[in-house]
Amino acid sequence: MTDKNCVFCKIAAGEIPAKKVYEDEKMLVFRDIEPKAAVHLLAVAKDHFKLLSEMDGERAELVKYMLCKIPEIAEQNGCKNGYRLVINQGEDAGQTVFHLHIHILGGEILPW
């Protein structure tokens, strides 16, 4: 399922360019345009849903799949010594694009 007005759905459909580092039938990973670390990637589910609270069993399997793929993708993109994963949920948490995505931050020692 996609949302015609969602920027991440448009990136996944190839309508908006992005610096992709990984893509398969379930997910897309690309470089954040406003990086907060030396390496800042966004892992985006191709199935559009906004929040973890909207997960059903199928979507939970999708998130599990993404979490299993991230270690290899992170290491291949400069995060050999570790990385941080962030999933913002809602406006108060800083979520600005309401399509589930996982920030992958690393490539340097990260402050807390």
PDB file of N, CA and C in Angstrom:
ATOM      1  N   MET A   1       0.840  -1.172   0.000  1.00  0.00           N
ATOM      2  CA  MET A   1       0.000   0.000   0.000  1.00  0.00           C
ATOM      3  C   MET A   1       0.890   1.242   0.000  1.00  0.00           C
ATOM      4  N   THR A   2       0.528   2.240  -0.775  1.00  0.00           N
ATOM      5  CA  THR A   2       1.257   3.496  -0.821  1.00  0.00           C
ATOM      6  C   THR A   2       0.299   4.662  -0.607  1.00  0.00           C
ATOM      7  N   ASP A   3       0.868   5.809  -0.291  1.00  0.00           N
ATOM      8  CA  ASP A   3       0.113   7.045  -0.116  1.00  0.00           C
ATOM      9  C   ASP A   3       0.644   8.030  -1.159  1.00  0.00           C
ATOM     10  N   LYS A   4      -0.196   8.470  -2.073  1.00  0.00           N
ATOM     11  CA  LYS A   4       0.220   9.343  -3.172  1.00  0.00           C
ATOM     12  C   LYS A   4       0.834  10.654  -2.701  1.00  0.00           C
ATOM     13  N   ASN A   5       0.532  11.073  -1.478  1.00  0.00           N
ATOM     14  CA  ASN A   5       1.042  12.345  -0.961  1.00  0.00           C
ATOM     15  C   ASN A   5       2.277  12.195  -0.079  1.00  0.00           C
ATOM     16  N   CYS A   6       2.743  10.979   0.128  1.00  0.00           N
ATOM     17  CA  CYS A   6       3.858  10.709   1.036  1.00  0.00           C
ATOM     18  C   CYS A   6       5.197  10.824   0.300  1.00  0.00           C
ATOM     19  N   VAL A   7       6.097  11.631   0.845  1.00  0.00           N
ATOM     20  CA  VAL A   7       7.401  11.821   0.210  1.00  0.00           C
ATOM     21  C   VAL A   7       8.190  10.508   0.145  1.00  0.00           C
ATOM     22  N   PHE A   8       8.110   9.664   1.177  1.00  0.00           N
ATOM     23  CA  PHE A   8       8.856   8.406   1.148  1.00  0.00           C
ATOM     24  C   PHE A   8       8.248   7.427   0.148  1.00  0.00           C
ATOM     25  N   CYS A   9       6.935   7.430  -0.015  1.00  0.00           N
ATOM     26  CA  CYS A   9       6.307   6.599  -1.046  1.00  0.00           C
ATOM     27  C   CYS A   9       6.758   7.064  -2.431  1.00  0.00           C
ATOM     28  N   LYS A  10       6.885   8.385  -2.609  1.00  0.00           N
ATOM     29  CA  LYS A  10       7.336   8.931  -3.886  1.00  0.00           C
ATOM     30  C   LYS A  10       8.800   8.573  -4.153  1.00  0.00           C
ATOM     31  N   ILE A  11       9.631   8.582  -3.126  1.00  0.00           N
ATOM     32  CA  ILE A  11      11.024   8.167  -3.287  1.00  0.00           C
ATOM     33  C   ILE A  11      11.079   6.697  -3.665  1.00  0.00           C
ATOM     34  N   ALA A  12      10.318   5.865  -2.967  1.00  0.00           N
ATOM     35  CA  ALA A  12      10.300   4.422  -3.253  1.00  0.00           C
ATOM     36  C   ALA A  12       9.814   4.136  -4.670  1.00  0.00           C
ATOM     37  N   ALA A  13       8.899   4.971  -5.180  1.00  0.00           N
ATOM     38  CA  ALA A  13       8.368   4.791  -6.531  1.00  0.00           C
ATOM     39  C   ALA A  13       9.281   5.388  -7.600  1.00  0.00           C
ATOM     40  N   GLY A  14      10.368   6.066  -7.184  1.00  0.00           N
ATOM     41  CA  GLY A  14      11.275   6.676  -8.142  1.00  0.00           C
ATOM     42  C   GLY A  14      10.821   8.035  -8.640  1.00  0.00           C
ATOM     43  N   GLU A  15       9.797   8.601  -8.043  1.00  0.00           N
ATOM     44  CA  GLU A  15       9.276   9.903  -8.456  1.00  0.00           C
ATOM     45  C   GLU A  15      10.114  11.064  -7.916  1.00  0.00           C
ATOM     46  N   ILE A  16      10.797  10.827  -6.801  1.00  0.00           N
ATOM     47  CA  ILE A  16      11.698  11.807  -6.196  1.00  0.00           C
ATOM     48  C   ILE A  16      13.059  11.136  -6.078  1.00  0.00           C
ATOM     49  N   PRO A  17      14.128  11.803  -6.540  1.00  0.00           N
ATOM     50  CA  PRO A  17      15.452  11.174  -6.458  1.00  0.00           C
ATOM     51  C   PRO A  17      15.956  11.079  -5.019  1.00  0.00           C
ATOM     52  N   ALA A  18      16.760  10.060  -4.777  1.00  0.00           N
ATOM     53  CA  ALA A  18      17.404   9.863  -3.484  1.00  0.00           C
ATOM     54  C   ALA A  18      18.717   9.126  -3.720  1.00  0.00           C
ATOM     55  N   LYS A  19      19.653   9.284  -2.799  1.00  0.00           N
ATOM     56  CA  LYS A  19      20.922   8.568  -2.875  1.00  0.00           C
ATOM     57  C   LYS A  19      20.738   7.206  -2.211  1.00  0.00           C
ATOM     58  N   LYS A  20      20.242   6.259  -2.995  1.00  0.00           N
ATOM     59  CA  LYS A  20      19.930   4.923  -2.490  1.00  0.00           C
ATOM     60  C   LYS A  20      21.211   4.137  -2.230  1.00  0.00           C
ATOM     61  N   VAL A  21      21.209   3.402  -1.114  1.00  0.00           N
ATOM     62  CA  VAL A  21      22.316   2.508  -0.801  1.00  0.00           C
ATOM     63  C   VAL A  21      21.872   1.045  -0.787  1.00  0.00           C
ATOM     64  N   TYR A  22      20.563   0.813  -0.723  1.00  0.00           N
ATOM     65  CA  TYR A  22      20.026  -0.548  -0.735  1.00  0.00           C
ATOM     66  C   TYR A  22      18.553  -0.487  -1.119  1.00  0.00           C
ATOM     67  N   GLU A  23      18.109  -1.493  -1.872  1.00  0.00           N
ATOM     68  CA  GLU A  23      16.686  -1.598  -2.184  1.00  0.00           C
ATOM     69  C   GLU A  23      16.354  -3.044  -2.501  1.00  0.00           C
ATOM     70  N   ASP A  24      15.215  -3.483  -2.018  1.00  0.00           N
ATOM     71  CA  ASP A  24      14.644  -4.762  -2.410  1.00  0.00           C
ATOM     72  C   ASP A  24      13.126  -4.584  -2.469  1.00  0.00           C
ATOM     73  N   GLU A  25      12.395  -5.665  -2.557  1.00  0.00           N
ATOM     74  CA  GLU A  25      10.943  -5.565  -2.723  1.00  0.00           C
ATOM     75  C   GLU A  25      10.223  -5.075  -1.466  1.00  0.00           C
ATOM     76  N   LYS A  26      10.882  -5.104  -0.308  1.00  0.00           N
ATOM     77  CA  LYS A  26      10.226  -4.744   0.946  1.00  0.00           C
ATOM     78  C   LYS A  26      10.666  -3.413   1.539  1.00  0.00           C
ATOM     79  N   MET A  27      11.893  -2.994   1.194  1.00  0.00           N
ATOM     80  CA  MET A  27      12.434  -1.802   1.848  1.00  0.00           C
ATOM     81  C   MET A  27      13.400  -1.060   0.947  1.00  0.00           C
ATOM     82  N   LEU A  28      13.666   0.167   1.339  1.00  0.00           N
ATOM     83  CA  LEU A  28      14.597   1.035   0.648  1.00  0.00           C
ATOM     84  C   LEU A  28      15.433   1.732   1.710  1.00  0.00           C
ATOM     85  N   VAL A  29      16.747   1.871   1.445  1.00  0.00           N
ATOM     86  CA  VAL A  29      17.623   2.603   2.354  1.00  0.00           C
ATOM     87  C   VAL A  29      18.339   3.663   1.530  1.00  0.00           C
ATOM     88  N   PHE A  30      18.290   4.900   2.022  1.00  0.00           N
ATOM     89  CA  PHE A  30      18.929   5.999   1.312  1.00  0.00           C
ATOM     90  C   PHE A  30      19.530   6.982   2.305  1.00  0.00           C
ATOM     91  N   ARG A  31      20.399   7.855   1.804  1.00  0.00           N
ATOM     92  CA  ARG A  31      21.069   8.844   2.640  1.00  0.00           C
ATOM     93  C   ARG A  31      20.105   9.984   2.995  1.00  0.00           C
ATOM     94  N   ASP A  32      20.123  10.375   4.270  1.00  0.00           N
ATOM     95  CA  ASP A  32      19.295  11.483   4.729  1.00  0.00           C
ATOM     96  C   ASP A  32      19.816  12.784   4.121  1.00  0.00           C
ATOM     97  N   ILE A  33      18.921  13.657   3.678  1.00  0.00           N
ATOM     98  CA  ILE A  33      19.353  14.910   3.061  1.00  0.00           C
ATOM     99  C   ILE A  33      19.783  15.946   4.102  1.00  0.00           C
ATOM    100  N   GLU A  34      19.476  15.713   5.380  1.00  0.00           N
ATOM    101  CA  GLU A  34      19.921  16.585   6.469  1.00  0.00           C
ATOM    102  C   GLU A  34      20.589  15.716   7.538  1.00  0.00           C
ATOM    103  N   PRO A  35      21.790  15.200   7.239  1.00  0.00           N
ATOM    104  CA  PRO A  35      22.424  14.226   8.145  1.00  0.00           C
ATOM    105  C   PRO A  35      22.736  14.809   9.519  1.00  0.00           C
ATOM    106  N   LYS A  36      22.527  13.967  10.524  1.00  0.00           N
ATOM    107  CA  LYS A  36      22.824  14.314  11.908  1.00  0.00           C
ATOM    108  C   LYS A  36      24.062  13.584  12.422  1.00  0.00           C
ATOM    109  N   ALA A  37      24.730  12.833  11.534  1.00  0.00           N
ATOM    110  CA  ALA A  37      25.953  12.110  11.867  1.00  0.00           C
ATOM    111  C   ALA A  37      26.734  11.920  10.569  1.00  0.00           C
ATOM    112  N   ALA A  38      27.985  11.467  10.689  1.00  0.00           N
ATOM    113  CA  ALA A  38      28.804  11.230   9.497  1.00  0.00           C
ATOM    114  C   ALA A  38      28.089  10.287   8.526  1.00  0.00           C
ATOM    115  N   VAL A  39      27.443   9.270   9.075  1.00  0.00           N
ATOM    116  CA  VAL A  39      26.580   8.388   8.286  1.00  0.00           C
ATOM    117  C   VAL A  39      25.173   8.547   8.834  1.00  0.00           C
ATOM    118  N   HIS A  40      24.244   8.905   7.975  1.00  0.00           N
ATOM    119  CA  HIS A  40      22.841   9.023   8.384  1.00  0.00           C
ATOM    120  C   HIS A  40      21.999   8.477   7.238  1.00  0.00           C
ATOM    121  N   LEU A  41      21.510   7.269   7.446  1.00  0.00           N
ATOM    122  CA  LEU A  41      20.690   6.586   6.451  1.00  0.00           C
ATOM    123  C   LEU A  41      19.265   6.478   6.967  1.00  0.00           C
ATOM    124  N   LEU A  42      18.333   6.365   6.037  1.00  0.00           N
ATOM    125  CA  LEU A  42      16.938   6.123   6.383  1.00  0.00           C
ATOM    126  C   LEU A  42      16.512   4.802   5.761  1.00  0.00           C
ATOM    127  N   ALA A  43      16.053   3.880   6.592  1.00  0.00           N
ATOM    128  CA  ALA A  43      15.502   2.609   6.126  1.00  0.00           C
ATOM    129  C   ALA A  43      13.989   2.778   6.124  1.00  0.00           C
ATOM    130  N   VAL A  44      13.392   2.658   4.938  1.00  0.00           N
ATOM    131  CA  VAL A  44      11.977   2.944   4.750  1.00  0.00           C
ATOM    132  C   VAL A  44      11.250   1.685   4.299  1.00  0.00           C
ATOM    133  N   ALA A  45      10.177   1.374   4.983  1.00  0.00           N
ATOM    134  CA  ALA A  45       9.311   0.270   4.562  1.00  0.00           C
ATOM    135  C   ALA A  45       8.583   0.692   3.291  1.00  0.00           C
ATOM    136  N   LYS A  46       8.487  -0.191   2.316  1.00  0.00           N
ATOM    137  CA  LYS A  46       7.746   0.145   1.101  1.00  0.00           C
ATOM    138  C   LYS A  46       6.237   0.092   1.330  1.00  0.00           C
ATOM    139  N   ASP A  47       5.811  -0.620   2.355  1.00  0.00           N
ATOM    140  CA  ASP A  47       4.404  -0.635   2.756  1.00  0.00           C
ATOM    141  C   ASP A  47       4.173   0.603   3.610  1.00  0.00           C
ATOM    142  N   HIS A  48       3.291   1.479   3.184  1.00  0.00           N
ATOM    143  CA  HIS A  48       3.053   2.734   3.896  1.00  0.00           C
ATOM    144  C   HIS A  48       2.210   2.487   5.148  1.00  0.00           C
ATOM    145  N   PHE A  49       2.809   2.795   6.281  1.00  0.00           N
ATOM    146  CA  PHE A  49       2.069   2.951   7.531  1.00  0.00           C
ATOM    147  C   PHE A  49       2.853   3.911   8.390  1.00  0.00           C
ATOM    148  N   LYS A  50       2.176   4.617   9.264  1.00  0.00           N
ATOM    149  CA  LYS A  50       2.771   5.754   9.944  1.00  0.00           C
ATOM    150  C   LYS A  50       3.489   5.410  11.244  1.00  0.00           C
ATOM    151  N   LEU A  51       2.884   4.560  12.049  1.00  0.00           N
ATOM    152  CA  LEU A  51       3.348   4.355  13.415  1.00  0.00           C
ATOM    153  C   LEU A  51       3.441   2.863  13.753  1.00  0.00           C
ATOM    154  N   LEU A  52       4.279   2.547  14.709  1.00  0.00           N
ATOM    155  CA  LEU A  52       4.367   1.168  15.176  1.00  0.00           C
ATOM    156  C   LEU A  52       3.022   0.689  15.707  1.00  0.00           C
ATOM    157  N   SER A  53       2.235   1.597  16.251  1.00  0.00           N
ATOM    158  CA  SER A  53       0.928   1.213  16.787  1.00  0.00           C
ATOM    159  C   SER A  53      -0.041   0.755  15.695  1.00  0.00           C
ATOM    160  N   GLU A  54       0.289   1.012  14.435  1.00  0.00           N
ATOM    161  CA  GLU A  54      -0.544   0.573  13.313  1.00  0.00           C
ATOM    162  C   GLU A  54      -0.140  -0.804  12.792  1.00  0.00           C
ATOM    163  N   MET A  55       0.856  -1.425  13.436  1.00  0.00           N
ATOM    164  CA  MET A  55       1.334  -2.716  12.959  1.00  0.00           C
ATOM    165  C   MET A  55       0.328  -3.814  13.207  1.00  0.00           C
ATOM    166  N   ASP A  56       0.198  -4.671  12.218  1.00  0.00           N
ATOM    167  CA  ASP A  56      -0.484  -5.946  12.382  1.00  0.00           C
ATOM    168  C   ASP A  56       0.607  -7.003  12.248  1.00  0.00           C
ATOM    169  N   GLY A  57       0.242  -8.256  12.175  1.00  0.00           N
ATOM    170  CA  GLY A  57       1.239  -9.320  12.093  1.00  0.00           C
ATOM    171  C   GLY A  57       2.137  -9.210  10.875  1.00  0.00           C
ATOM    172  N   GLU A  58       1.558  -8.879   9.723  1.00  0.00           N
ATOM    173  CA  GLU A  58       2.334  -8.760   8.485  1.00  0.00           C
ATOM    174  C   GLU A  58       3.323  -7.597   8.560  1.00  0.00           C
ATOM    175  N   ARG A  59       2.879  -6.486   9.096  1.00  0.00           N
ATOM    176  CA  ARG A  59       3.765  -5.328   9.226  1.00  0.00           C
ATOM    177  C   ARG A  59       4.840  -5.566  10.275  1.00  0.00           C
ATOM    178  N   ALA A  60       4.512  -6.299  11.328  1.00  0.00           N
ATOM    179  CA  ALA A  60       5.518  -6.649  12.327  1.00  0.00           C
ATOM    180  C   ALA A  60       6.610  -7.499  11.687  1.00  0.00           C
ATOM    181  N   GLU A  61       6.234  -8.397  10.800  1.00  0.00           N
ATOM    182  CA  GLU A  61       7.235  -9.204  10.078  1.00  0.00           C
ATOM    183  C   GLU A  61       8.087  -8.324   9.174  1.00  0.00           C
ATOM    184  N   LEU A  62       7.489  -7.292   8.589  1.00  0.00           N
ATOM    185  CA  LEU A  62       8.233  -6.352   7.752  1.00  0.00           C
ATOM    186  C   LEU A  62       9.269  -5.597   8.584  1.00  0.00           C
ATOM    187  N   VAL A  63       8.886  -5.106   9.744  1.00  0.00           N
ATOM    188  CA  VAL A  63       9.822  -4.400  10.616  1.00  0.00           C
ATOM    189  C   VAL A  63      10.932  -5.348  11.065  1.00  0.00           C
ATOM    190  N   LYS A  64      10.583  -6.578  11.399  1.00  0.00           N
ATOM    191  CA  LYS A  64      11.588  -7.585  11.759  1.00  0.00           C
ATOM    192  C   LYS A  64      12.561  -7.794  10.606  1.00  0.00           C
ATOM    193  N   TYR A  65      12.046  -7.918   9.393  1.00  0.00           N
ATOM    194  CA  TYR A  65      12.875  -8.091   8.203  1.00  0.00           C
ATOM    195  C   TYR A  65      13.853  -6.919   8.067  1.00  0.00           C
ATOM    196  N   MET A  66      13.334  -5.693   8.224  1.00  0.00           N
ATOM    197  CA  MET A  66      14.184  -4.513   8.112  1.00  0.00           C
ATOM    198  C   MET A  66      15.284  -4.522   9.171  1.00  0.00           C
ATOM    199  N   LEU A  67      14.920  -4.847  10.400  1.00  0.00           N
ATOM    200  CA  LEU A  67      15.906  -4.874  11.483  1.00  0.00           C
ATOM    201  C   LEU A  67      16.970  -5.941  11.252  1.00  0.00           C
ATOM    202  N   CYS A  68      16.614  -7.026  10.591  1.00  0.00           N
ATOM    203  CA  CYS A  68      17.588  -8.077  10.274  1.00  0.00           C
ATOM    204  C   CYS A  68      18.523  -7.669   9.139  1.00  0.00           C
ATOM    205  N   LYS A  69      18.075  -6.814   8.218  1.00  0.00           N
ATOM    206  CA  LYS A  69      18.891  -6.356   7.092  1.00  0.00           C
ATOM    207  C   LYS A  69      19.817  -5.199   7.471  1.00  0.00           C
ATOM    208  N   ILE A  70      19.422  -4.398   8.439  1.00  0.00           N
ATOM    209  CA  ILE A  70      20.154  -3.184   8.786  1.00  0.00           C
ATOM    210  C   ILE A  70      21.607  -3.424   9.182  1.00  0.00           C
ATOM    211  N   PRO A  71      21.964  -4.435   9.982  1.00  0.00           N
ATOM    212  CA  PRO A  71      23.377  -4.582  10.352  1.00  0.00           C
ATOM    213  C   PRO A  71      24.321  -4.667   9.142  1.00  0.00           C
ATOM    214  N   GLU A  72      23.972  -5.443   8.153  1.00  0.00           N
ATOM    215  CA  GLU A  72      24.814  -5.575   6.957  1.00  0.00           C
ATOM    216  C   GLU A  72      24.877  -4.256   6.191  1.00  0.00           C
ATOM    217  N   ILE A  73      23.743  -3.603   6.038  1.00  0.00           N
ATOM    218  CA  ILE A  73      23.691  -2.334   5.309  1.00  0.00           C
ATOM    219  C   ILE A  73      24.503  -1.268   6.041  1.00  0.00           C
ATOM    220  N   ALA A  74      24.367  -1.197   7.362  1.00  0.00           N
ATOM    221  CA  ALA A  74      25.105  -0.218   8.160  1.00  0.00           C
ATOM    222  C   ALA A  74      26.603  -0.440   8.023  1.00  0.00           C
ATOM    223  N   GLU A  75      27.048  -1.686   8.142  1.00  0.00           N
ATOM    224  CA  GLU A  75      28.477  -1.979   8.040  1.00  0.00           C
ATOM    225  C   GLU A  75      29.016  -1.620   6.662  1.00  0.00           C
ATOM    226  N   GLN A  76      28.263  -1.917   5.619  1.00  0.00           N
ATOM    227  CA  GLN A  76      28.694  -1.611   4.257  1.00  0.00           C
ATOM    228  C   GLN A  76      28.762  -0.111   3.984  1.00  0.00           C
ATOM    229  N   ASN A  77      28.145   0.680   4.840  1.00  0.00           N
ATOM    230  CA  ASN A  77      28.092   2.124   4.623  1.00  0.00           C
ATOM    231  C   ASN A  77      28.857   2.925   5.676  1.00  0.00           C
ATOM    232  N   GLY A  78      29.859   2.313   6.287  1.00  0.00           N
ATOM    233  CA  GLY A  78      30.753   3.055   7.160  1.00  0.00           C
ATOM    234  C   GLY A  78      30.475   2.982   8.634  1.00  0.00           C
ATOM    235  N   CYS A  79      29.646   2.046   9.063  1.00  0.00           N
ATOM    236  CA  CYS A  79      29.321   1.922  10.487  1.00  0.00           C
ATOM    237  C   CYS A  79      29.902   0.633  11.068  1.00  0.00           C
ATOM    238  N   LYS A  80      31.163   0.381  10.809  1.00  0.00           N
ATOM    239  CA  LYS A  80      31.803  -0.859  11.273  1.00  0.00           C
ATOM    240  C   LYS A  80      31.975  -0.904  12.791  1.00  0.00           C
ATOM    241  N   ASN A  81      32.101   0.258  13.434  1.00  0.00           N
ATOM    242  CA  ASN A  81      32.337   0.303  14.876  1.00  0.00           C
ATOM    243  C   ASN A  81      31.076   0.534  15.692  1.00  0.00           C
ATOM    244  N   GLY A  82      29.929   0.483  15.040  1.00  0.00           N
ATOM    245  CA  GLY A  82      28.668   0.660  15.755  1.00  0.00           C
ATOM    246  C   GLY A  82      27.788   1.703  15.094  1.00  0.00           C
ATOM    247  N   TYR A  83      26.545   1.712  15.497  1.00  0.00           N
ATOM    248  CA  TYR A  83      25.565   2.639  14.945  1.00  0.00           C
ATOM    249  C   TYR A  83      24.390   2.727  15.899  1.00  0.00           C
ATOM    250  N   ARG A  84      23.582   3.737  15.696  1.00  0.00           N
ATOM    251  CA  ARG A  84      22.382   3.947  16.500  1.00  0.00           C
ATOM    252  C   ARG A  84      21.174   3.860  15.586  1.00  0.00           C
ATOM    253  N   LEU A  85      20.111   3.228  16.068  1.00  0.00           N
ATOM    254  CA  LEU A  85      18.837   3.186  15.352  1.00  0.00           C
ATOM    255  C   LEU A  85      17.840   4.066  16.092  1.00  0.00           C
ATOM    256  N   VAL A  86      17.076   4.860  15.328  1.00  0.00           N
ATOM    257  CA  VAL A  86      16.065   5.737  15.910  1.00  0.00           C
ATOM    258  C   VAL A  86      14.789   5.585  15.101  1.00  0.00           C
ATOM    259  N   ILE A  87      13.682   5.383  15.806  1.00  0.00           N
ATOM    260  CA  ILE A  87      12.360   5.373  15.176  1.00  0.00           C
ATOM    261  C   ILE A  87      11.526   6.410  15.914  1.00  0.00           C
ATOM    262  N   ASN A  88      11.338   7.562  15.306  1.00  0.00           N
ATOM    263  CA  ASN A  88      10.512   8.607  15.907  1.00  0.00           C
ATOM    264  C   ASN A  88       9.047   8.240  15.711  1.00  0.00           C
ATOM    265  N   GLN A  89       8.255   8.456  16.752  1.00  0.00           N
ATOM    266  CA  GLN A  89       6.836   8.106  16.728  1.00  0.00           C
ATOM    267  C   GLN A  89       6.002   9.299  17.143  1.00  0.00           C
ATOM    268  N   GLY A  90       5.466  10.029  16.172  1.00  0.00           N
ATOM    269  CA  GLY A  90       4.599  11.163  16.446  1.00  0.00           C
ATOM    270  C   GLY A  90       5.343  12.489  16.486  1.00  0.00           C
ATOM    271  N   GLU A  91       4.573  13.545  16.438  1.00  0.00           N
ATOM    272  CA  GLU A  91       5.125  14.898  16.393  1.00  0.00           C
ATOM    273  C   GLU A  91       5.993  15.217  17.596  1.00  0.00           C
ATOM    274  N   ASP A  92       5.572  14.834  18.797  1.00  0.00           N
ATOM    275  CA  ASP A  92       6.343  15.148  20.002  1.00  0.00           C
ATOM    276  C   ASP A  92       7.720  14.498  19.983  1.00  0.00           C
ATOM    277  N   ALA A  93       7.867  13.409  19.252  1.00  0.00           N
ATOM    278  CA  ALA A  93       9.154  12.712  19.157  1.00  0.00           C
ATOM    279  C   ALA A  93       9.999  13.239  18.004  1.00  0.00           C
ATOM    280  N   GLY A  94       9.456  14.146  17.209  1.00  0.00           N
ATOM    281  CA  GLY A  94      10.211  14.702  16.097  1.00  0.00           C
ATOM    282  C   GLY A  94       9.942  14.046  14.760  1.00  0.00           C
ATOM    283  N   GLN A  95       8.919  13.206  14.679  1.00  0.00           N
ATOM    284  CA  GLN A  95       8.594  12.580  13.397  1.00  0.00           C
ATOM    285  C   GLN A  95       8.039  13.646  12.465  1.00  0.00           C
ATOM    286  N   THR A  96       8.690  13.823  11.316  1.00  0.00           N
ATOM    287  CA  THR A  96       8.251  14.836  10.353  1.00  0.00           C
ATOM    288  C   THR A  96       7.661  14.213   9.095  1.00  0.00           C
ATOM    289  N   VAL A  97       8.049  12.980   8.786  1.00  0.00           N
ATOM    290  CA  VAL A  97       7.446  12.255   7.670  1.00  0.00           C
ATOM    291  C   VAL A  97       6.691  11.085   8.279  1.00  0.00           C
ATOM    292  N   PHE A  98       5.384  11.073   8.092  1.00  0.00           N
ATOM    293  CA  PHE A  98       4.545  10.069   8.733  1.00  0.00           C
ATOM    294  C   PHE A  98       4.412   8.828   7.864  1.00  0.00           C
ATOM    295  N   HIS A  99       5.558   8.164   7.724  1.00  0.00           N
ATOM    296  CA  HIS A  99       5.714   6.877   7.041  1.00  0.00           C
ATOM    297  C   HIS A  99       6.794   6.178   7.855  1.00  0.00           C
ATOM    298  N   LEU A 100       6.524   4.992   8.341  1.00  0.00           N
ATOM    299  CA  LEU A 100       7.476   4.327   9.220  1.00  0.00           C
ATOM    300  C   LEU A 100       8.854   4.277   8.577  1.00  0.00           C
ATOM    301  N   HIS A 101       9.864   4.726   9.312  1.00  0.00           N
ATOM    302  CA  HIS A 101      11.247   4.673   8.846  1.00  0.00           C
ATOM    303  C   HIS A 101      12.174   4.589  10.049  1.00  0.00           C
ATOM    304  N   ILE A 102      13.342   4.038   9.787  1.00  0.00           N
ATOM    305  CA  ILE A 102      14.337   3.833  10.834  1.00  0.00           C
ATOM    306  C   ILE A 102      15.580   4.621  10.453  1.00  0.00           C
ATOM    307  N   HIS A 103      15.995   5.520  11.328  1.00  0.00           N
ATOM    308  CA  HIS A 103      17.240   6.266  11.126  1.00  0.00           C
ATOM    309  C   HIS A 103      18.404   5.370  11.538  1.00  0.00           C
ATOM    310  N   ILE A 104      19.428   5.327  10.715  1.00  0.00           N
ATOM    311  CA  ILE A 104      20.669   4.607  11.012  1.00  0.00           C
ATOM    312  C   ILE A 104      21.759   5.667  11.084  1.00  0.00           C
ATOM    313  N   LEU A 105      22.309   5.867  12.277  1.00  0.00           N
ATOM    314  CA  LEU A 105      23.312   6.909  12.500  1.00  0.00           C
ATOM    315  C   LEU A 105      24.614   6.288  12.960  1.00  0.00           C
ATOM    316  N   GLY A 106      25.726   6.736  12.386  1.00  0.00           N
ATOM    317  CA  GLY A 106      27.022   6.208  12.798  1.00  0.00           C
ATOM    318  C   GLY A 106      28.154   6.859  12.029  1.00  0.00           C
ATOM    319  N   GLY A 107      29.247   6.108  11.919  1.00  0.00           N
ATOM    320  CA  GLY A 107      30.412   6.622  11.216  1.00  0.00           C
ATOM    321  C   GLY A 107      31.279   7.525  12.062  1.00  0.00           C
ATOM    322  N   GLU A 108      30.906   7.676  13.328  1.00  0.00           N
ATOM    323  CA  GLU A 108      31.650   8.517  14.264  1.00  0.00           C
ATOM    324  C   GLU A 108      31.169   8.171  15.674  1.00  0.00           C
ATOM    325  N   ILE A 109      31.872   8.668  16.687  1.00  0.00           N
ATOM    326  CA  ILE A 109      31.404   8.495  18.060  1.00  0.00           C
ATOM    327  C   ILE A 109      30.219   9.434  18.255  1.00  0.00           C
ATOM    328  N   LEU A 110      29.090   8.875  18.624  1.00  0.00           N
ATOM    329  CA  LEU A 110      27.862   9.654  18.740  1.00  0.00           C
ATOM    330  C   LEU A 110      27.652  10.138  20.181  1.00  0.00           C
ATOM    331  N   PRO A 111      27.333  11.414  20.352  1.00  0.00           N
ATOM    332  CA  PRO A 111      26.983  11.883  21.703  1.00  0.00           C
ATOM    333  C   PRO A 111      25.591  11.375  22.049  1.00  0.00           C
ATOM    334  N   TRP A 112      25.290  11.341  23.308  1.00  0.00           N
ATOM    335  CA  TRP A 112      23.943  10.899  23.691  1.00  0.00           C
ATOM    336  C   TRP A 112      23.068  12.067  23.717  1.00  0.00           C
TER     337      TRP A 112
END
